[in-house]
PDB file of all heavy atoms in Angstrom:
ATOM      1  N   PHE A   1      14.958   5.582   1.039  1.00  0.00           N
ATOM      2  CA  PHE A   1      15.972   5.188   0.047  1.00  0.00           C
ATOM      3  C   PHE A   1      17.310   5.325   0.836  1.00  0.00           C
ATOM      4  O   PHE A   1      17.746   6.350   1.142  1.00  0.00           O
ATOM      5  CB  PHE A   1      15.967   6.065  -1.159  1.00  0.00           C
ATOM      6  CG  PHE A   1      16.993   5.711  -2.163  1.00  0.00           C
ATOM      7  CD1 PHE A   1      16.814   4.563  -3.021  1.00  0.00           C
ATOM      8  CD2 PHE A   1      18.031   6.360  -2.401  1.00  0.00           C
ATOM      9  CE1 PHE A   1      17.747   4.251  -3.887  1.00  0.00           C
ATOM     10  CE2 PHE A   1      19.053   6.118  -3.298  1.00  0.00           C
ATOM     11  CZ  PHE A   1      18.838   5.021  -4.094  1.00  0.00           C
ATOM     12  N   LYS A   2      17.908   4.249   1.263  1.00  0.00           N
ATOM     13  CA  LYS A   2      19.212   4.156   1.999  1.00  0.00           C
ATOM     14  C   LYS A   2      20.097   3.207   1.428  1.00  0.00           C
ATOM     15  O   LYS A   2      19.767   2.106   1.068  1.00  0.00           O
ATOM     16  CB  LYS A   2      18.878   3.744   3.417  1.00  0.00           C
ATOM     17  CG  LYS A   2      18.038   4.764   4.171  1.00  0.00           C
ATOM     18  CD  LYS A   2      17.829   4.219   5.593  1.00  0.00           C
ATOM     19  CE  LYS A   2      16.784   5.076   6.258  1.00  0.00           C
ATOM     20  NZ  LYS A   2      16.355   4.487   7.473  1.00  0.00           N
ATOM     21  N   ASP A   3      21.416   3.639   1.291  1.00  0.00           N
ATOM     22  CA  ASP A   3      22.390   2.658   0.795  1.00  0.00           C
ATOM     23  C   ASP A   3      22.036   2.026  -0.482  1.00  0.00           C
ATOM     24  O   ASP A   3      22.197   0.831  -0.670  1.00  0.00           O
ATOM     25  CB  ASP A   3      22.791   1.689   1.902  1.00  0.00           C
ATOM     26  CG  ASP A   3      23.261   2.330   3.120  1.00  0.00           C
ATOM     27  OD1 ASP A   3      23.856   3.272   3.150  1.00  0.00           O
ATOM     28  OD2 ASP A   3      22.906   1.719   4.202  1.00  0.00           O
ATOM     29  N   ASN A   4      21.535   2.826  -1.352  1.00  0.00           N
ATOM     30  CA  ASN A   4      21.078   2.278  -2.809  1.00  0.00           C
ATOM     31  C   ASN A   4      20.129   1.168  -2.716  1.00  0.00           C
ATOM     32  O   ASN A   4      20.051   0.289  -3.595  1.00  0.00           O
ATOM     33  CB  ASN A   4      22.349   1.854  -3.580  1.00  0.00           C
ATOM     34  CG  ASN A   4      23.239   3.036  -3.976  1.00  0.00           C
ATOM     35  OD1 ASN A   4      22.688   4.086  -4.190  1.00  0.00           O
ATOM     36  ND2 ASN A   4      24.422   2.690  -4.135  1.00  0.00           N
ATOM     37  N   GLU A   5      19.309   1.151  -1.640  1.00  0.00           N
ATOM     38  CA  GLU A   5      18.271   0.171  -1.575  1.00  0.00           C
ATOM     39  C   GLU A   5      16.920   0.912  -1.181  1.00  0.00           C
ATOM     40  O   GLU A   5      16.921   1.907  -0.520  1.00  0.00           O
ATOM     41  CB  GLU A   5      18.486  -0.775  -0.440  1.00  0.00           C
ATOM     42  CG  GLU A   5      19.626  -1.796  -0.657  1.00  0.00           C
ATOM     43  CD  GLU A   5      19.875  -2.847   0.317  1.00  0.00           C
ATOM     44  OE1 GLU A   5      18.980  -3.034   1.094  1.00  0.00           O
ATOM     45  OE2 GLU A   5      20.962  -3.477   0.242  1.00  0.00           O
ATOM     46  N   ILE A   6      15.745   0.354  -1.615  1.00  0.00           N
ATOM     47  CA  ILE A   6      14.517   0.943  -1.483  1.00  0.00           C
ATOM     48  C   ILE A   6      13.810   0.171  -0.397  1.00  0.00           C
ATOM     49  O   ILE A   6      13.700  -1.070  -0.397  1.00  0.00           O
ATOM     50  CB  ILE A   6      13.700   0.936  -2.704  1.00  0.00           C
ATOM     51  CG1 ILE A   6      14.406   1.735  -3.803  1.00  0.00           C
ATOM     52  CG2 ILE A   6      12.292   1.543  -2.535  1.00  0.00           C
ATOM     53  CD1 ILE A   6      13.796   1.558  -5.250  1.00  0.00           C
ATOM     54  N   TYR A   7      13.292   0.865   0.615  1.00  0.00           N
ATOM     55  CA  TYR A   7      12.505   0.242   1.696  1.00  0.00           C
ATOM     56  C   TYR A   7      11.142   0.863   1.696  1.00  0.00           C
ATOM     57  O   TYR A   7      10.920   2.014   1.835  1.00  0.00           O
ATOM     58  CB  TYR A   7      13.140   0.523   3.054  1.00  0.00           C
ATOM     59  CG  TYR A   7      14.567   0.038   3.228  1.00  0.00           C
ATOM     60  CD1 TYR A   7      15.665   0.850   2.999  1.00  0.00           C
ATOM     61  CD2 TYR A   7      14.771  -1.265   3.599  1.00  0.00           C
ATOM     62  CE1 TYR A   7      16.944   0.342   3.206  1.00  0.00           C
ATOM     63  CE2 TYR A   7      16.104  -1.797   3.753  1.00  0.00           C
ATOM     64  CZ  TYR A   7      17.157  -0.972   3.582  1.00  0.00           C
ATOM     65  OH  TYR A   7      18.467  -1.425   3.632  1.00  0.00           O
ATOM     66  N   ILE A   8      10.095  -0.055   1.380  1.00  0.00           N
ATOM     67  CA  ILE A   8       8.666   0.415   1.375  1.00  0.00           C
ATOM     68  C   ILE A   8       8.199   0.269   2.790  1.00  0.00           C
ATOM     69  O   ILE A   8       8.154  -0.838   3.410  1.00  0.00           O
ATOM     70  CB  ILE A   8       7.934  -0.487   0.438  1.00  0.00           C
ATOM     71  CG1 ILE A   8       8.448  -0.379  -0.911  1.00  0.00           C
ATOM     72  CG2 ILE A   8       6.373  -0.094   0.539  1.00  0.00           C
ATOM     73  CD1 ILE A   8       7.770  -1.299  -1.918  1.00  0.00           C
ATOM     74  N   ASN A   9       7.899   1.453   3.456  1.00  0.00           N
ATOM     75  CA  ASN A   9       7.455   1.443   4.897  1.00  0.00           C
ATOM     76  C   ASN A   9       6.036   1.268   4.847  1.00  0.00           C
ATOM     77  O   ASN A   9       5.523   0.528   5.775  1.00  0.00           O
ATOM     78  CB  ASN A   9       7.852   2.843   5.449  1.00  0.00           C
ATOM     79  CG  ASN A   9       9.315   3.092   5.608  1.00  0.00           C
ATOM     80  OD1 ASN A   9      10.044   2.088   5.618  1.00  0.00           O
ATOM     81  ND2 ASN A   9       9.750   4.344   5.489  1.00  0.00           N
ATOM     82  N   ARG A  10       5.281   1.853   3.931  1.00  0.00           N
ATOM     83  CA  ARG A  10       3.805   1.864   4.092  1.00  0.00           C
ATOM     84  C   ARG A  10       3.148   2.035   2.715  1.00  0.00           C
ATOM     85  O   ARG A  10       3.629   2.957   1.958  1.00  0.00           O
ATOM     86  CB  ARG A  10       3.342   2.933   5.031  1.00  0.00           C
ATOM     87  CG  ARG A  10       1.854   2.973   5.300  1.00  0.00           C
ATOM     88  CD  ARG A  10       1.571   4.175   6.371  1.00  0.00           C
ATOM     89  NE  ARG A  10       0.342   4.706   6.198  1.00  0.00           N
ATOM     90  CZ  ARG A  10       0.078   5.729   5.365  1.00  0.00           C
ATOM     91  NH1 ARG A  10       0.944   6.419   4.758  1.00  0.00           N
ATOM     92  NH2 ARG A  10      -1.183   6.168   5.227  1.00  0.00           N
ATOM     93  N   VAL A  11       2.189   1.357   2.372  1.00  0.00           N
ATOM     94  CA  VAL A  11       1.361   1.578   1.174  1.00  0.00           C
ATOM     95  C   VAL A  11      -0.037   1.692   1.673  1.00  0.00           C
ATOM     96  O   VAL A  11      -0.553   0.535   2.146  1.00  0.00           O
ATOM     97  CB  VAL A  11       1.589   0.438  -0.010  1.00  0.00           C
ATOM     98  CG1 VAL A  11       0.653   0.608  -1.048  1.00  0.00           C
ATOM     99  CG2 VAL A  11       3.035   0.375  -0.388  1.00  0.00           C
ATOM    100  N   ALA A  12      -0.679   2.737   1.437  1.00  0.00           N
ATOM    101  CA  ALA A  12      -2.110   2.984   1.905  1.00  0.00           C
ATOM    102  C   ALA A  12      -2.971   3.048   0.623  1.00  0.00           C
ATOM    103  O   ALA A  12      -2.675   3.946  -0.238  1.00  0.00           O
ATOM    104  CB  ALA A  12      -2.248   4.121   2.747  1.00  0.00           C
ATOM    105  N   VAL A  13      -4.028   2.317   0.514  1.00  0.00           N
ATOM    106  CA  VAL A  13      -4.873   2.276  -0.559  1.00  0.00           C
ATOM    107  C   VAL A  13      -6.263   2.713  -0.181  1.00  0.00           C
ATOM    108  O   VAL A  13      -6.870   2.056   0.763  1.00  0.00           O
ATOM    109  CB  VAL A  13      -4.933   0.801  -1.294  1.00  0.00           C
ATOM    110  CG1 VAL A  13      -5.826   0.869  -2.470  1.00  0.00           C
ATOM    111  CG2 VAL A  13      -3.549   0.382  -1.659  1.00  0.00           C
ATOM    112  N   SER A  14      -6.872   3.688  -0.848  1.00  0.00           N
ATOM    113  CA  SER A  14      -8.243   4.075  -0.556  1.00  0.00           C
ATOM    114  C   SER A  14      -9.083   3.643  -1.624  1.00  0.00           C
ATOM    115  O   SER A  14      -8.798   3.793  -2.844  1.00  0.00           O
ATOM    116  CB  SER A  14      -8.283   5.633  -0.489  1.00  0.00           C
ATOM    117  OG  SER A  14      -7.493   6.166   0.599  1.00  0.00           O
ATOM    118  N   ILE A  15     -10.145   2.892  -1.209  1.00  0.00           N
ATOM    119  CA  ILE A  15     -11.126   2.236  -2.267  1.00  0.00           C
ATOM    120  C   ILE A  15     -12.514   2.817  -2.053  1.00  0.00           C
ATOM    121  O   ILE A  15     -12.870   3.216  -0.965  1.00  0.00           O
ATOM    122  CB  ILE A  15     -11.031   0.763  -2.101  1.00  0.00           C
ATOM    123  CG1 ILE A  15     -11.557   0.318  -0.672  1.00  0.00           C
ATOM    124  CG2 ILE A  15      -9.682   0.176  -2.399  1.00  0.00           C
ATOM    125  CD1 ILE A  15     -11.660  -1.149  -0.460  1.00  0.00           C
ATOM    126  N   PRO A  16     -13.239   2.694  -3.155  1.00  0.00           N
ATOM    127  CA  PRO A  16     -14.748   3.109  -2.951  1.00  0.00           C
ATOM    128  C   PRO A  16     -15.391   2.069  -2.065  1.00  0.00           C
ATOM    129  O   PRO A  16     -14.881   0.890  -1.885  1.00  0.00           O
ATOM    130  CB  PRO A  16     -15.247   3.049  -4.457  1.00  0.00           C
ATOM    131  CG  PRO A  16     -14.081   3.084  -5.337  1.00  0.00           C
ATOM    132  CD  PRO A  16     -12.926   2.536  -4.480  1.00  0.00           C
ATOM    133  N   GLY A  17     -16.545   2.402  -1.570  1.00  0.00           N
ATOM    134  CA  GLY A  17     -17.330   1.628  -0.652  1.00  0.00           C
ATOM    135  C   GLY A  17     -17.844   0.247  -1.328  1.00  0.00           C
ATOM    136  O   GLY A  17     -18.241  -0.635  -0.590  1.00  0.00           O
ATOM    137  N   SER A  18     -17.787   0.163  -2.590  1.00  0.00           N
ATOM    138  CA  SER A  18     -18.303  -1.055  -3.246  1.00  0.00           C
ATOM    139  C   SER A  18     -17.429  -2.232  -3.224  1.00  0.00           C
ATOM    140  O   SER A  18     -17.823  -3.321  -3.637  1.00  0.00           O
ATOM    141  CB  SER A  18     -18.863  -0.722  -4.625  1.00  0.00           C
ATOM    142  OG  SER A  18     -17.713  -0.136  -5.382  1.00  0.00           O
ATOM    143  N   TYR A  19     -16.148  -2.043  -2.853  1.00  0.00           N
ATOM    144  CA  TYR A  19     -15.206  -3.099  -2.823  1.00  0.00           C
ATOM    145  C   TYR A  19     -14.962  -3.630  -1.479  1.00  0.00           C
ATOM    146  O   TYR A  19     -15.112  -2.952  -0.544  1.00  0.00           O
ATOM    147  CB  TYR A  19     -13.792  -2.668  -3.441  1.00  0.00           C
ATOM    148  CG  TYR A  19     -13.861  -2.081  -4.901  1.00  0.00           C
ATOM    149  CD1 TYR A  19     -13.397  -0.910  -5.245  1.00  0.00           C
ATOM    150  CD2 TYR A  19     -14.480  -2.893  -5.900  1.00  0.00           C
ATOM    151  CE1 TYR A  19     -13.523  -0.440  -6.580  1.00  0.00           C
ATOM    152  CE2 TYR A  19     -14.579  -2.429  -7.174  1.00  0.00           C
ATOM    153  CZ  TYR A  19     -14.007  -1.263  -7.529  1.00  0.00           C
ATOM    154  OH  TYR A  19     -14.113  -0.842  -8.800  1.00  0.00           O
ATOM    155  N   ASP A  20     -14.448  -4.889  -1.411  1.00  0.00           N
ATOM    156  CA  ASP A  20     -14.066  -5.552  -0.170  1.00  0.00           C
ATOM    157  C   ASP A  20     -12.703  -5.274   0.271  1.00  0.00           C
ATOM    158  O   ASP A  20     -11.787  -5.549  -0.608  1.00  0.00           O
ATOM    159  CB  ASP A  20     -14.403  -6.990  -0.255  1.00  0.00           C
ATOM    160  CG  ASP A  20     -14.208  -7.719   1.107  1.00  0.00           C
ATOM    161  OD1 ASP A  20     -14.431  -7.159   2.095  1.00  0.00           O
ATOM    162  OD2 ASP A  20     -13.735  -8.971   1.001  1.00  0.00           O
ATOM    163  N   VAL A  21     -12.465  -4.833   1.497  1.00  0.00           N
ATOM    164  CA  VAL A  21     -11.118  -4.492   1.940  1.00  0.00           C
ATOM    165  C   VAL A  21     -10.208  -5.744   1.886  1.00  0.00           C
ATOM    166  O   VAL A  21      -9.042  -5.653   1.475  1.00  0.00           O
ATOM    167  CB  VAL A  21     -11.202  -3.934   3.334  1.00  0.00           C
ATOM    168  CG1 VAL A  21      -9.790  -3.777   4.022  1.00  0.00           C
ATOM    169  CG2 VAL A  21     -11.921  -2.634   3.366  1.00  0.00           C
ATOM    170  N   ASN A  22     -10.620  -6.839   2.432  1.00  0.00           N
ATOM    171  CA  ASN A  22      -9.762  -8.046   2.540  1.00  0.00           C
ATOM    172  C   ASN A  22      -9.539  -8.606   1.120  1.00  0.00           C
ATOM    173  O   ASN A  22      -8.436  -9.163   0.939  1.00  0.00           O
ATOM    174  CB  ASN A  22     -10.472  -9.051   3.393  1.00  0.00           C
ATOM    175  CG  ASN A  22     -10.593  -8.666   4.841  1.00  0.00           C
ATOM    176  OD1 ASN A  22      -9.666  -7.998   5.355  1.00  0.00           O
ATOM    177  ND2 ASN A  22     -11.680  -9.028   5.589  1.00  0.00           N
ATOM    178  N   GLU A  23     -10.407  -8.551   0.226  1.00  0.00           N
ATOM    179  CA  GLU A  23     -10.256  -8.962  -1.154  1.00  0.00           C
ATOM    180  C   GLU A  23      -9.148  -8.226  -1.799  1.00  0.00           C
ATOM    181  O   GLU A  23      -8.267  -8.796  -2.474  1.00  0.00           O
ATOM    182  CB  GLU A  23     -11.554  -8.851  -1.920  1.00  0.00           C
ATOM    183  CG  GLU A  23     -11.476  -9.409  -3.320  1.00  0.00           C
ATOM    184  CD  GLU A  23     -12.812  -9.193  -4.069  1.00  0.00           C
ATOM    185  OE1 GLU A  23     -13.881  -9.429  -3.279  1.00  0.00           O
ATOM    186  OE2 GLU A  23     -12.856  -8.933  -5.260  1.00  0.00           O
ATOM    187  N   ILE A  24      -9.066  -6.954  -1.697  1.00  0.00           N
ATOM    188  CA  ILE A  24      -8.089  -6.037  -2.217  1.00  0.00           C
ATOM    189  C   ILE A  24      -6.722  -6.254  -1.620  1.00  0.00           C
ATOM    190  O   ILE A  24      -5.708  -6.336  -2.244  1.00  0.00           O
ATOM    191  CB  ILE A  24      -8.481  -4.599  -2.247  1.00  0.00           C
ATOM    192  CG1 ILE A  24      -9.685  -4.376  -3.193  1.00  0.00           C
ATOM    193  CG2 ILE A  24      -7.421  -3.620  -2.618  1.00  0.00           C
ATOM    194  CD1 ILE A  24     -10.223  -3.036  -3.306  1.00  0.00           C
TER     195      ILE A  24
END
């Protein structure tokens, strides 16, 4: 959070093994 702006650096999602990574 800089200069009243939000910068998303990284979003990491952990999923169960039954889902497809590329699909999500």
